[in-house]
């Protein structure tokens, strides 16, 4: 069983943008080098287009957002989810 990894798409770690707070400054888009975000040309909003490309545990884009419009699950929620997913992966198929 060594070398087992949890598929990224099962890990609930992705940014959420509060568009009521977002000022469309695009700092998150400029900052993230993992192509998580893209610009919606129609309305100038940044959207989350590749959530599974977000590095698990990284919330740096939320830290640099000047208005706090980006949020993530808490680190405790992440730890709990990873524990649960690891336990599930040990179950016989």
PDB file of N, CA and C in Angstrom:
ATOM      1  N   UNK A   1       0.810  -1.201   0.000  1.00  0.00           N
ATOM      2  CA  UNK A   1       0.000   0.000   0.000  1.00  0.00           C
ATOM      3  C   UNK A   1       0.853   1.266   0.000  1.00  0.00           C
ATOM      4  N   UNK A   2       2.149   1.131   0.138  1.00  0.00           N
ATOM      5  CA  UNK A   2       2.966   2.346   0.160  1.00  0.00           C
ATOM      6  C   UNK A   2       2.889   3.035  -1.193  1.00  0.00           C
ATOM      7  N   UNK A   3       3.021   4.329  -1.173  1.00  0.00           N
ATOM      8  CA  UNK A   3       2.959   5.103  -2.402  1.00  0.00           C
ATOM      9  C   UNK A   3       1.549   5.495  -2.794  1.00  0.00           C
ATOM     10  N   UNK A   4       0.553   5.086  -2.008  1.00  0.00           N
ATOM     11  CA  UNK A   4      -0.827   5.483  -2.324  1.00  0.00           C
ATOM     12  C   UNK A   4      -0.985   6.968  -2.102  1.00  0.00           C
ATOM     13  N   UNK A   5      -1.621   7.588  -3.021  1.00  0.00           N
ATOM     14  CA  UNK A   5      -1.907   9.006  -2.865  1.00  0.00           C
ATOM     15  C   UNK A   5      -3.397   9.237  -3.059  1.00  0.00           C
ATOM     16  N   UNK A   6      -3.861  10.300  -2.476  1.00  0.00           N
ATOM     17  CA  UNK A   6      -5.258  10.680  -2.621  1.00  0.00           C
ATOM     18  C   UNK A   6      -5.389  11.476  -3.908  1.00  0.00           C
ATOM     19  N   UNK A   7      -6.308  11.108  -4.782  1.00  0.00           N
ATOM     20  CA  UNK A   7      -6.488  11.892  -6.010  1.00  0.00           C
ATOM     21  C   UNK A   7      -6.825  13.349  -5.674  1.00  0.00           C
ATOM     22  N   UNK A   8      -6.174  14.273  -6.337  1.00  0.00           N
ATOM     23  CA  UNK A   8      -6.333  15.694  -6.026  1.00  0.00           C
ATOM     24  C   UNK A   8      -7.788  16.140  -6.085  1.00  0.00           C
ATOM     25  N   UNK A   9      -8.552  15.620  -7.025  1.00  0.00           N
ATOM     26  CA  UNK A   9      -9.934  16.078  -7.165  1.00  0.00           C
ATOM     27  C   UNK A   9     -10.807  15.709  -5.965  1.00  0.00           C
ATOM     28  N   UNK A  10     -10.350  14.776  -5.134  1.00  0.00           N
ATOM     29  CA  UNK A  10     -11.109  14.413  -3.936  1.00  0.00           C
ATOM     30  C   UNK A  10     -10.781  15.312  -2.736  1.00  0.00           C
ATOM     31  N   UNK A  11      -9.703  16.046  -2.819  1.00  0.00           N
ATOM     32  CA  UNK A  11      -9.284  16.884  -1.695  1.00  0.00           C
ATOM     33  C   UNK A  11     -10.009  18.225  -1.773  1.00  0.00           C
ATOM     34  N   UNK A  12     -10.794  18.551  -0.755  1.00  0.00           N
ATOM     35  CA  UNK A  12     -11.616  19.766  -0.807  1.00  0.00           C
ATOM     36  C   UNK A  12     -10.836  21.033  -0.465  1.00  0.00           C
ATOM     37  N   UNK A  13      -9.843  21.332  -1.271  1.00  0.00           N
ATOM     38  CA  UNK A  13      -9.040  22.541  -1.065  1.00  0.00           C
ATOM     39  C   UNK A  13      -9.071  23.353  -2.338  1.00  0.00           C
ATOM     40  N   UNK A  14      -9.840  24.436  -2.301  1.00  0.00           N
ATOM     41  CA  UNK A  14      -9.957  25.314  -3.469  1.00  0.00           C
ATOM     42  C   UNK A  14     -10.442  26.680  -2.995  1.00  0.00           C
ATOM     43  N   UNK A  15     -10.070  27.716  -3.712  1.00  0.00           N
ATOM     44  CA  UNK A  15     -10.503  29.053  -3.317  1.00  0.00           C
ATOM     45  C   UNK A  15     -11.965  29.303  -3.662  1.00  0.00           C
ATOM     46  N   UNK A  16     -12.572  30.140  -2.857  1.00  0.00           N
ATOM     47  CA  UNK A  16     -13.918  30.645  -3.121  1.00  0.00           C
ATOM     48  C   UNK A  16     -13.821  32.162  -3.142  1.00  0.00           C
ATOM     49  N   UNK A  17     -14.401  32.783  -4.154  1.00  0.00           N
ATOM     50  CA  UNK A  17     -14.362  34.239  -4.281  1.00  0.00           C
ATOM     51  C   UNK A  17     -15.710  34.814  -3.888  1.00  0.00           C
ATOM     52  N   UNK A  18     -15.684  35.777  -2.984  1.00  0.00           N
ATOM     53  CA  UNK A  18     -16.904  36.499  -2.597  1.00  0.00           C
ATOM     54  C   UNK A  18     -16.996  37.712  -3.521  1.00  0.00           C
ATOM     55  N   UNK A  19     -17.870  37.618  -4.516  1.00  0.00           N
ATOM     56  CA  UNK A  19     -17.967  38.679  -5.513  1.00  0.00           C
ATOM     57  C   UNK A  19     -18.591  39.957  -4.967  1.00  0.00           C
ATOM     58  N   UNK A  20     -19.232  39.881  -3.815  1.00  0.00           N
ATOM     59  CA  UNK A  20     -19.735  41.104  -3.179  1.00  0.00           C
ATOM     60  C   UNK A  20     -18.583  41.936  -2.620  1.00  0.00           C
ATOM     61  N   UNK A  21     -17.478  41.273  -2.291  1.00  0.00           N
ATOM     62  CA  UNK A  21     -16.299  41.977  -1.769  1.00  0.00           C
ATOM     63  C   UNK A  21     -15.268  42.288  -2.855  1.00  0.00           C
ATOM     64  N   UNK A  22     -15.197  41.447  -3.872  1.00  0.00           N
ATOM     65  CA  UNK A  22     -14.159  41.552  -4.898  1.00  0.00           C
ATOM     66  C   UNK A  22     -14.213  42.906  -5.612  1.00  0.00           C
ATOM     67  N   UNK A  23     -13.041  43.520  -5.740  1.00  0.00           N
ATOM     68  CA  UNK A  23     -12.936  44.812  -6.414  1.00  0.00           C
ATOM     69  C   UNK A  23     -12.399  44.677  -7.846  1.00  0.00           C
ATOM     70  N   UNK A  24     -12.226  43.442  -8.299  1.00  0.00           N
ATOM     71  CA  UNK A  24     -11.739  43.147  -9.655  1.00  0.00           C
ATOM     72  C   UNK A  24     -10.335  43.678  -9.913  1.00  0.00           C
ATOM     73  N   UNK A  25      -9.512  43.731  -8.867  1.00  0.00           N
ATOM     74  CA  UNK A  25      -8.140  44.228  -9.042  1.00  0.00           C
ATOM     75  C   UNK A  25      -7.205  43.201  -9.672  1.00  0.00           C
ATOM     76  N   UNK A  26      -7.634  41.945  -9.726  1.00  0.00           N
ATOM     77  CA  UNK A  26      -6.911  40.857 -10.377  1.00  0.00           C
ATOM     78  C   UNK A  26      -5.599  40.478  -9.698  1.00  0.00           C
ATOM     79  N   UNK A  27      -5.410  40.866  -8.458  1.00  0.00           N
ATOM     80  CA  UNK A  27      -4.175  40.517  -7.747  1.00  0.00           C
ATOM     81  C   UNK A  27      -4.016  39.004  -7.639  1.00  0.00           C
ATOM     82  N   UNK A  28      -5.109  38.294  -7.405  1.00  0.00           N
ATOM     83  CA  UNK A  28      -5.043  36.829  -7.295  1.00  0.00           C
ATOM     84  C   UNK A  28      -4.600  36.211  -8.622  1.00  0.00           C
ATOM     85  N   UNK A  29      -5.130  36.711  -9.701  1.00  0.00           N
ATOM     86  CA  UNK A  29      -4.783  36.212 -11.030  1.00  0.00           C
ATOM     87  C   UNK A  29      -3.305  36.462 -11.329  1.00  0.00           C
ATOM     88  N   UNK A  30      -2.822  37.634 -10.989  1.00  0.00           N
ATOM     89  CA  UNK A  30      -1.407  37.975 -11.211  1.00  0.00           C
ATOM     90  C   UNK A  30      -0.495  37.139 -10.321  1.00  0.00           C
ATOM     91  N   UNK A  31      -0.957  36.836  -9.112  1.00  0.00           N
ATOM     92  CA  UNK A  31      -0.125  36.151  -8.136  1.00  0.00           C
ATOM     93  C   UNK A  31       0.004  34.650  -8.392  1.00  0.00           C
ATOM     94  N   UNK A  32      -1.108  33.983  -8.664  1.00  0.00           N
ATOM     95  CA  UNK A  32      -1.117  32.517  -8.742  1.00  0.00           C
ATOM     96  C   UNK A  32      -0.458  32.031 -10.027  1.00  0.00           C
ATOM     97  N   UNK A  33       0.548  31.189  -9.876  1.00  0.00           N
ATOM     98  CA  UNK A  33       1.284  30.650 -11.031  1.00  0.00           C
ATOM     99  C   UNK A  33       0.800  29.250 -11.419  1.00  0.00           C
ATOM    100  N   UNK A  34      -0.328  28.842 -10.859  1.00  0.00           N
ATOM    101  CA  UNK A  34      -0.806  27.483 -11.107  1.00  0.00           C
ATOM    102  C   UNK A  34      -2.067  27.444 -11.967  1.00  0.00           C
ATOM    103  N   UNK A  35      -2.386  28.557 -12.594  1.00  0.00           N
ATOM    104  CA  UNK A  35      -3.536  28.645 -13.504  1.00  0.00           C
ATOM    105  C   UNK A  35      -4.856  28.264 -12.846  1.00  0.00           C
ATOM    106  N   UNK A  36      -4.984  28.589 -11.568  1.00  0.00           N
ATOM    107  CA  UNK A  36      -6.234  28.338 -10.855  1.00  0.00           C
ATOM    108  C   UNK A  36      -7.295  29.330 -11.311  1.00  0.00           C
ATOM    109  N   UNK A  37      -6.863  30.552 -11.577  1.00  0.00           N
ATOM    110  CA  UNK A  37      -7.780  31.643 -11.918  1.00  0.00           C
ATOM    111  C   UNK A  37      -7.712  32.007 -13.399  1.00  0.00           C
ATOM    112  N   UNK A  38      -8.795  32.602 -13.869  1.00  0.00           N
ATOM    113  CA  UNK A  38      -8.830  33.172 -15.222  1.00  0.00           C
ATOM    114  C   UNK A  38      -9.724  34.405 -15.174  1.00  0.00           C
ATOM    115  N   UNK A  39      -9.517  35.272 -16.125  1.00  0.00           N
ATOM    116  CA  UNK A  39     -10.308  36.494 -16.220  1.00  0.00           C
ATOM    117  C   UNK A  39     -11.510  36.245 -17.122  1.00  0.00           C
ATOM    118  N   UNK A  40     -12.684  36.563 -16.616  1.00  0.00           N
ATOM    119  CA  UNK A  40     -13.906  36.510 -17.423  1.00  0.00           C
ATOM    120  C   UNK A  40     -13.972  37.839 -18.163  1.00  0.00           C
ATOM    121  N   UNK A  41     -13.654  37.816 -19.431  1.00  0.00           N
ATOM    122  CA  UNK A  41     -13.578  39.039 -20.233  1.00  0.00           C
ATOM    123  C   UNK A  41     -14.911  39.785 -20.280  1.00  0.00           C
ATOM    124  N   UNK A  42     -16.011  39.055 -20.188  1.00  0.00           N
ATOM    125  CA  UNK A  42     -17.333  39.679 -20.297  1.00  0.00           C
ATOM    126  C   UNK A  42     -17.614  40.679 -19.183  1.00  0.00           C
ATOM    127  N   UNK A  43     -17.208  40.334 -17.964  1.00  0.00           N
ATOM    128  CA  UNK A  43     -17.513  41.242 -16.853  1.00  0.00           C
ATOM    129  C   UNK A  43     -16.293  41.667 -16.041  1.00  0.00           C
ATOM    130  N   UNK A  44     -15.106  41.235 -16.446  1.00  0.00           N
ATOM    131  CA  UNK A  44     -13.888  41.658 -15.761  1.00  0.00           C
ATOM    132  C   UNK A  44     -13.634  40.972 -14.429  1.00  0.00           C
ATOM    133  N   UNK A  45     -14.424  39.948 -14.131  1.00  0.00           N
ATOM    134  CA  UNK A  45     -14.233  39.236 -12.872  1.00  0.00           C
ATOM    135  C   UNK A  45     -13.226  38.113 -13.038  1.00  0.00           C
ATOM    136  N   UNK A  46     -12.488  37.858 -11.985  1.00  0.00           N
ATOM    137  CA  UNK A  46     -11.612  36.698 -11.939  1.00  0.00           C
ATOM    138  C   UNK A  46     -12.463  35.533 -11.440  1.00  0.00           C
ATOM    139  N   UNK A  47     -12.311  34.390 -12.092  1.00  0.00           N
ATOM    140  CA  UNK A  47     -13.055  33.202 -11.684  1.00  0.00           C
ATOM    141  C   UNK A  47     -12.092  32.051 -11.407  1.00  0.00           C
ATOM    142  N   UNK A  48     -12.546  31.099 -10.640  1.00  0.00           N
ATOM    143  CA  UNK A  48     -11.772  29.899 -10.362  1.00  0.00           C
ATOM    144  C   UNK A  48     -12.095  28.903 -11.465  1.00  0.00           C
ATOM    145  N   UNK A  49     -11.109  28.628 -12.323  1.00  0.00           N
ATOM    146  CA  UNK A  49     -11.348  27.753 -13.470  1.00  0.00           C
ATOM    147  C   UNK A  49     -10.668  26.390 -13.338  1.00  0.00           C
ATOM    148  N   UNK A  50      -9.616  26.310 -12.562  1.00  0.00           N
ATOM    149  CA  UNK A  50      -8.889  25.060 -12.370  1.00  0.00           C
ATOM    150  C   UNK A  50      -8.658  24.823 -10.874  1.00  0.00           C
ATOM    151  N   UNK A  51      -9.722  24.554 -10.121  1.00  0.00           N
ATOM    152  CA  UNK A  51      -9.568  24.444  -8.673  1.00  0.00           C
ATOM    153  C   UNK A  51      -8.634  23.320  -8.231  1.00  0.00           C
ATOM    154  N   UNK A  52      -8.533  22.256  -9.018  1.00  0.00           N
ATOM    155  CA  UNK A  52      -7.665  21.147  -8.626  1.00  0.00           C
ATOM    156  C   UNK A  52      -6.191  21.416  -8.891  1.00  0.00           C
ATOM    157  N   UNK A  53      -5.887  22.555  -9.487  1.00  0.00           N
ATOM    158  CA  UNK A  53      -4.490  22.950  -9.680  1.00  0.00           C
ATOM    159  C   UNK A  53      -3.985  23.751  -8.476  1.00  0.00           C
ATOM    160  N   UNK A  54      -4.887  24.100  -7.593  1.00  0.00           N
ATOM    161  CA  UNK A  54      -4.511  24.829  -6.378  1.00  0.00           C
ATOM    162  C   UNK A  54      -3.675  23.894  -5.504  1.00  0.00           C
ATOM    163  N   UNK A  55      -2.579  24.399  -4.995  1.00  0.00           N
ATOM    164  CA  UNK A  55      -1.694  23.611  -4.147  1.00  0.00           C
ATOM    165  C   UNK A  55      -2.359  23.420  -2.788  1.00  0.00           C
ATOM    166  N   UNK A  56      -2.509  22.166  -2.388  1.00  0.00           N
ATOM    167  CA  UNK A  56      -3.192  21.854  -1.131  1.00  0.00           C
ATOM    168  C   UNK A  56      -2.456  22.519   0.039  1.00  0.00           C
ATOM    169  N   UNK A  57      -3.215  23.289   0.800  1.00  0.00           N
ATOM    170  CA  UNK A  57      -2.674  23.987   1.964  1.00  0.00           C
ATOM    171  C   UNK A  57      -2.212  25.403   1.685  1.00  0.00           C
ATOM    172  N   UNK A  58      -2.060  25.762   0.414  1.00  0.00           N
ATOM    173  CA  UNK A  58      -1.631  27.115   0.069  1.00  0.00           C
ATOM    174  C   UNK A  58      -2.842  28.047   0.053  1.00  0.00           C
ATOM    175  N   UNK A  59      -2.742  29.128   0.789  1.00  0.00           N
ATOM    176  CA  UNK A  59      -3.800  30.139   0.764  1.00  0.00           C
ATOM    177  C   UNK A  59      -3.206  31.528   0.552  1.00  0.00           C
ATOM    178  N   UNK A  60      -2.068  31.552  -0.117  1.00  0.00           N
ATOM    179  CA  UNK A  60      -1.342  32.805  -0.311  1.00  0.00           C
ATOM    180  C   UNK A  60      -2.156  33.836  -1.085  1.00  0.00           C
ATOM    181  N   UNK A  61      -2.953  33.404  -2.040  1.00  0.00           N
ATOM    182  CA  UNK A  61      -3.755  34.360  -2.805  1.00  0.00           C
ATOM    183  C   UNK A  61      -4.766  35.055  -1.893  1.00  0.00           C
ATOM    184  N   UNK A  62      -5.310  34.328  -0.932  1.00  0.00           N
ATOM    185  CA  UNK A  62      -6.232  34.935   0.031  1.00  0.00           C
ATOM    186  C   UNK A  62      -5.494  35.947   0.908  1.00  0.00           C
ATOM    187  N   UNK A  63      -4.256  35.650   1.211  1.00  0.00           N
ATOM    188  CA  UNK A  63      -3.449  36.550   2.039  1.00  0.00           C
ATOM    189  C   UNK A  63      -3.143  37.871   1.319  1.00  0.00           C
ATOM    190  N   UNK A  64      -2.970  37.804   0.001  1.00  0.00           N
ATOM    191  CA  UNK A  64      -2.613  39.026  -0.733  1.00  0.00           C
ATOM    192  C   UNK A  64      -3.828  39.813  -1.224  1.00  0.00           C
ATOM    193  N   UNK A  65      -5.017  39.211  -1.136  1.00  0.00           N
ATOM    194  CA  UNK A  65      -6.223  39.922  -1.572  1.00  0.00           C
ATOM    195  C   UNK A  65      -6.469  41.099  -0.630  1.00  0.00           C
ATOM    196  N   UNK A  66      -6.435  42.320  -1.158  1.00  0.00           N
ATOM    197  CA  UNK A  66      -6.526  43.492  -0.284  1.00  0.00           C
ATOM    198  C   UNK A  66      -7.879  43.668   0.416  1.00  0.00           C
ATOM    199  N   UNK A  67      -8.914  43.007  -0.075  1.00  0.00           N
ATOM    200  CA  UNK A  67     -10.240  43.167   0.540  1.00  0.00           C
ATOM    201  C   UNK A  67     -10.759  41.877   1.174  1.00  0.00           C
ATOM    202  N   UNK A  68      -9.955  40.828   1.181  1.00  0.00           N
ATOM    203  CA  UNK A  68     -10.358  39.577   1.810  1.00  0.00           C
ATOM    204  C   UNK A  68     -11.494  38.864   1.097  1.00  0.00           C
ATOM    205  N   UNK A  69     -11.513  38.948  -0.224  1.00  0.00           N
ATOM    206  CA  UNK A  69     -12.600  38.345  -1.003  1.00  0.00           C
ATOM    207  C   UNK A  69     -12.391  36.862  -1.288  1.00  0.00           C
ATOM    208  N   UNK A  70     -11.228  36.324  -0.951  1.00  0.00           N
ATOM    209  CA  UNK A  70     -10.931  34.916  -1.234  1.00  0.00           C
ATOM    210  C   UNK A  70     -10.877  34.154   0.080  1.00  0.00           C
ATOM    211  N   UNK A  71     -11.529  33.009   0.084  1.00  0.00           N
ATOM    212  CA  UNK A  71     -11.495  32.177   1.285  1.00  0.00           C
ATOM    213  C   UNK A  71     -11.227  30.728   0.915  1.00  0.00           C
ATOM    214  N   UNK A  72     -10.800  29.976   1.901  1.00  0.00           N
ATOM    215  CA  UNK A  72     -10.509  28.550   1.787  1.00  0.00           C
ATOM    216  C   UNK A  72     -11.110  27.849   2.987  1.00  0.00           C
ATOM    217  N   UNK A  73     -11.235  26.527   2.911  1.00  0.00           N
ATOM    218  CA  UNK A  73     -11.618  25.806   4.124  1.00  0.00           C
ATOM    219  C   UNK A  73     -10.553  26.056   5.198  1.00  0.00           C
ATOM    220  N   UNK A  74     -10.919  25.878   6.446  1.00  0.00           N
ATOM    221  CA  UNK A  74      -9.933  26.054   7.508  1.00  0.00           C
ATOM    222  C   UNK A  74      -8.903  24.926   7.435  1.00  0.00           C
ATOM    223  N   UNK A  75      -7.744  25.140   8.015  1.00  0.00           N
ATOM    224  CA  UNK A  75      -6.705  24.103   8.040  1.00  0.00           C
ATOM    225  C   UNK A  75      -7.211  22.887   8.818  1.00  0.00           C
ATOM    226  N   UNK A  76      -8.032  23.114   9.826  1.00  0.00           N
ATOM    227  CA  UNK A  76      -8.611  21.999  10.578  1.00  0.00           C
ATOM    228  C   UNK A  76      -9.544  21.172   9.688  1.00  0.00           C
ATOM    229  N   UNK A  77     -10.368  21.839   8.887  1.00  0.00           N
ATOM    230  CA  UNK A  77     -11.249  21.120   7.959  1.00  0.00           C
ATOM    231  C   UNK A  77     -10.426  20.319   6.947  1.00  0.00           C
ATOM    232  N   UNK A  78      -9.328  20.902   6.493  1.00  0.00           N
ATOM    233  CA  UNK A  78      -8.449  20.199   5.553  1.00  0.00           C
ATOM    234  C   UNK A  78      -7.854  18.960   6.208  1.00  0.00           C
ATOM    235  N   UNK A  79      -7.328  19.104   7.425  1.00  0.00           N
ATOM    236  CA  UNK A  79      -6.749  17.954   8.129  1.00  0.00           C
ATOM    237  C   UNK A  79      -7.783  16.847   8.318  1.00  0.00           C
ATOM    238  N   UNK A  80      -8.999  17.224   8.726  1.00  0.00           N
ATOM    239  CA  UNK A  80     -10.060  16.234   8.920  1.00  0.00           C
ATOM    240  C   UNK A  80     -10.394  15.518   7.614  1.00  0.00           C
ATOM    241  N   UNK A  81     -10.484  16.262   6.531  1.00  0.00           N
ATOM    242  CA  UNK A  81     -10.791  15.666   5.233  1.00  0.00           C
ATOM    243  C   UNK A  81      -9.683  14.717   4.793  1.00  0.00           C
ATOM    244  N   UNK A  82      -8.430  15.111   4.995  1.00  0.00           N
ATOM    245  CA  UNK A  82      -7.311  14.244   4.608  1.00  0.00           C
ATOM    246  C   UNK A  82      -7.295  12.968   5.433  1.00  0.00           C
ATOM    247  N   UNK A  83      -7.579  13.068   6.725  1.00  0.00           N
ATOM    248  CA  UNK A  83      -7.653  11.868   7.573  1.00  0.00           C
ATOM    249  C   UNK A  83      -8.742  10.923   7.057  1.00  0.00           C
ATOM    250  N   UNK A  84      -9.907  11.494   6.761  1.00  0.00           N
ATOM    251  CA  UNK A  84     -11.023  10.688   6.276  1.00  0.00           C
ATOM    252  C   UNK A  84     -10.680  10.030   4.936  1.00  0.00           C
ATOM    253  N   UNK A  85     -10.097  10.790   4.028  1.00  0.00           N
ATOM    254  CA  UNK A  85      -9.754  10.252   2.708  1.00  0.00           C
ATOM    255  C   UNK A  85      -8.680   9.176   2.801  1.00  0.00           C
ATOM    256  N   UNK A  86      -7.711   9.363   3.699  1.00  0.00           N
ATOM    257  CA  UNK A  86      -6.684   8.327   3.891  1.00  0.00           C
ATOM    258  C   UNK A  86      -7.306   7.046   4.423  1.00  0.00           C
ATOM    259  N   UNK A  87      -8.206   7.186   5.389  1.00  0.00           N
ATOM    260  CA  UNK A  87      -8.883   6.019   5.960  1.00  0.00           C
ATOM    261  C   UNK A  87      -9.705   5.305   4.886  1.00  0.00           C
ATOM    262  N   UNK A  88     -10.405   6.068   4.067  1.00  0.00           N
ATOM    263  CA  UNK A  88     -11.210   5.479   2.994  1.00  0.00           C
ATOM    264  C   UNK A  88     -10.345   4.749   1.967  1.00  0.00           C
ATOM    265  N   UNK A  89      -9.160   5.279   1.716  1.00  0.00           N
ATOM    266  CA  UNK A  89      -8.299   4.671   0.703  1.00  0.00           C
ATOM    267  C   UNK A  89      -7.729   3.329   1.166  1.00  0.00           C
ATOM    268  N   UNK A  90      -7.767   3.082   2.460  1.00  0.00           N
ATOM    269  CA  UNK A  90      -7.265   1.810   2.998  1.00  0.00           C
ATOM    270  C   UNK A  90      -8.333   0.708   2.961  1.00  0.00           C
ATOM    271  N   UNK A  91      -9.562   1.083   2.672  1.00  0.00           N
ATOM    272  CA  UNK A  91     -10.639   0.099   2.615  1.00  0.00           C
ATOM    273  C   UNK A  91     -10.461  -0.794   1.381  1.00  0.00           C
ATOM    274  N   UNK A  92     -10.810  -2.056   1.501  1.00  0.00           N
ATOM    275  CA  UNK A  92     -10.724  -2.920   0.314  1.00  0.00           C
ATOM    276  C   UNK A  92     -11.708  -2.468  -0.747  1.00  0.00           C
ATOM    277  N   UNK A  93     -11.302  -2.617  -1.992  1.00  0.00           N
ATOM    278  CA  UNK A  93     -12.136  -2.187  -3.114  1.00  0.00           C
ATOM    279  C   UNK A  93     -13.127  -3.255  -3.485  1.00  0.00           C
TER     280      UNK A  93
END
